[in-house]
Amino acid sequence: MSTQEILVEEIKSQPEPVLRELLHYLKFLARQREEEAWADILPTREIEQEVLNILDGK
């Protein structure tokens, strides 16, 4: 049995609150993977703050 099939079977037996929490967690994981894929080309928060400081004349 594949991991997907095992998950589907397990999910079928869960109550609605658990399913909602699982859905939120899966969306969180997907967003995290997307951000990691761009991490090597996006500026860090520190660089963004430096740019804002320069633009604000600080």
C-alpha atoms as a PDB file:
ATOM      1  CA  MET A   1       0.000   0.000   0.000  1.00  0.00           C
ATOM      2  CA  SER A   2       1.382   3.430  -0.931  1.00  0.00           C
ATOM      3  CA  THR A   3       1.814   6.287   1.509  1.00  0.00           C
ATOM      4  CA  GLN A   4      -1.000   8.159  -0.212  1.00  0.00           C
ATOM      5  CA  GLU A   5      -3.369   5.219   0.186  1.00  0.00           C
ATOM      6  CA  ILE A   6      -2.455   4.830   3.857  1.00  0.00           C
ATOM      7  CA  LEU A   7      -3.063   8.533   4.449  1.00  0.00           C
ATOM      8  CA  VAL A   8      -6.425   8.471   2.682  1.00  0.00           C
ATOM      9  CA  GLU A   9      -7.569   5.520   4.776  1.00  0.00           C
ATOM     10  CA  GLU A  10      -6.420   7.181   7.990  1.00  0.00           C
ATOM     11  CA  ILE A  11      -8.049  10.486   7.045  1.00  0.00           C
ATOM     12  CA  LYS A  12     -11.394   8.794   6.397  1.00  0.00           C
ATOM     13  CA  SER A  13     -11.657   7.810  10.050  1.00  0.00           C
ATOM     14  CA  GLN A  14     -10.858  11.228  11.544  1.00  0.00           C
ATOM     15  CA  PRO A  15     -13.396  13.680  12.988  1.00  0.00           C
ATOM     16  CA  GLU A  16     -13.999  17.032  11.302  1.00  0.00           C
ATOM     17  CA  PRO A  17     -11.840  19.131  13.693  1.00  0.00           C
ATOM     18  CA  VAL A  18      -8.845  16.903  13.000  1.00  0.00           C
ATOM     19  CA  LEU A  19      -9.470  17.145   9.262  1.00  0.00           C
ATOM     20  CA  ARG A  20      -9.530  20.963   9.413  1.00  0.00           C
ATOM     21  CA  GLU A  21      -6.297  21.030  11.393  1.00  0.00           C
ATOM     22  CA  LEU A  22      -4.696  18.616   8.934  1.00  0.00           C
ATOM     23  CA  LEU A  23      -5.784  20.761   5.997  1.00  0.00           C
ATOM     24  CA  HIS A  24      -4.261  23.876   7.584  1.00  0.00           C
ATOM     25  CA  TYR A  25      -1.037  22.009   8.279  1.00  0.00           C
ATOM     26  CA  LEU A  26      -0.812  20.701   4.710  1.00  0.00           C
ATOM     27  CA  LYS A  27      -1.304  24.225   3.349  1.00  0.00           C
ATOM     28  CA  PHE A  28       1.379  25.491   5.738  1.00  0.00           C
ATOM     29  CA  LEU A  29       3.809  22.825   4.503  1.00  0.00           C
ATOM     30  CA  ALA A  30       3.073  23.684   0.869  1.00  0.00           C
ATOM     31  CA  ARG A  31       3.718  27.408   1.517  1.00  0.00           C
ATOM     32  CA  GLN A  32       6.919  26.576   3.348  1.00  0.00           C
ATOM     33  CA  ARG A  33       8.180  24.505   0.399  1.00  0.00           C
ATOM     34  CA  GLU A  34       7.352  27.334  -2.014  1.00  0.00           C
ATOM     35  CA  GLU A  35       9.252  29.828   0.128  1.00  0.00           C
ATOM     36  CA  GLU A  36      12.250  27.498   0.368  1.00  0.00           C
ATOM     37  CA  ALA A  37      12.292  27.150  -3.411  1.00  0.00           C
ATOM     38  CA  TRP A  38      12.690  30.936  -3.714  1.00  0.00           C
ATOM     39  CA  ALA A  39      14.973  31.403  -0.700  1.00  0.00           C
ATOM     40  CA  ASP A  40      18.176  31.405  -2.746  1.00  0.00           C
ATOM     41  CA  ILE A  41      17.059  34.338  -4.912  1.00  0.00           C
ATOM     42  CA  LEU A  42      14.862  36.400  -2.596  1.00  0.00           C
ATOM     43  CA  PRO A  43      16.459  38.967  -0.291  1.00  0.00           C
ATOM     44  CA  THR A  44      16.560  38.190   3.402  1.00  0.00           C
ATOM     45  CA  ARG A  45      14.581  40.229   5.922  1.00  0.00           C
ATOM     46  CA  GLU A  46      17.802  41.958   6.985  1.00  0.00           C
ATOM     47  CA  ILE A  47      18.500  43.131   3.445  1.00  0.00           C
ATOM     48  CA  GLU A  48      14.904  44.294   3.031  1.00  0.00           C
ATOM     49  CA  GLN A  49      15.212  46.292   6.255  1.00  0.00           C
ATOM     50  CA  GLU A  50      18.508  47.840   5.120  1.00  0.00           C
ATOM     51  CA  VAL A  51      16.883  48.972   1.874  1.00  0.00           C
ATOM     52  CA  LEU A  52      13.947  50.454   3.783  1.00  0.00           C
ATOM     53  CA  ASN A  53      16.350  52.259   6.102  1.00  0.00           C
ATOM     54  CA  ILE A  54      18.219  53.701   3.113  1.00  0.00           C
ATOM     55  CA  LEU A  55      14.980  54.828   1.495  1.00  0.00           C
ATOM     56  CA  ASP A  56      13.818  56.382   4.773  1.00  0.00           C
ATOM     57  CA  GLY A  57      17.120  58.243   5.055  1.00  0.00           C
ATOM     58  CA  LYS A  58      18.205  56.525   8.254  1.00  0.00           C
END
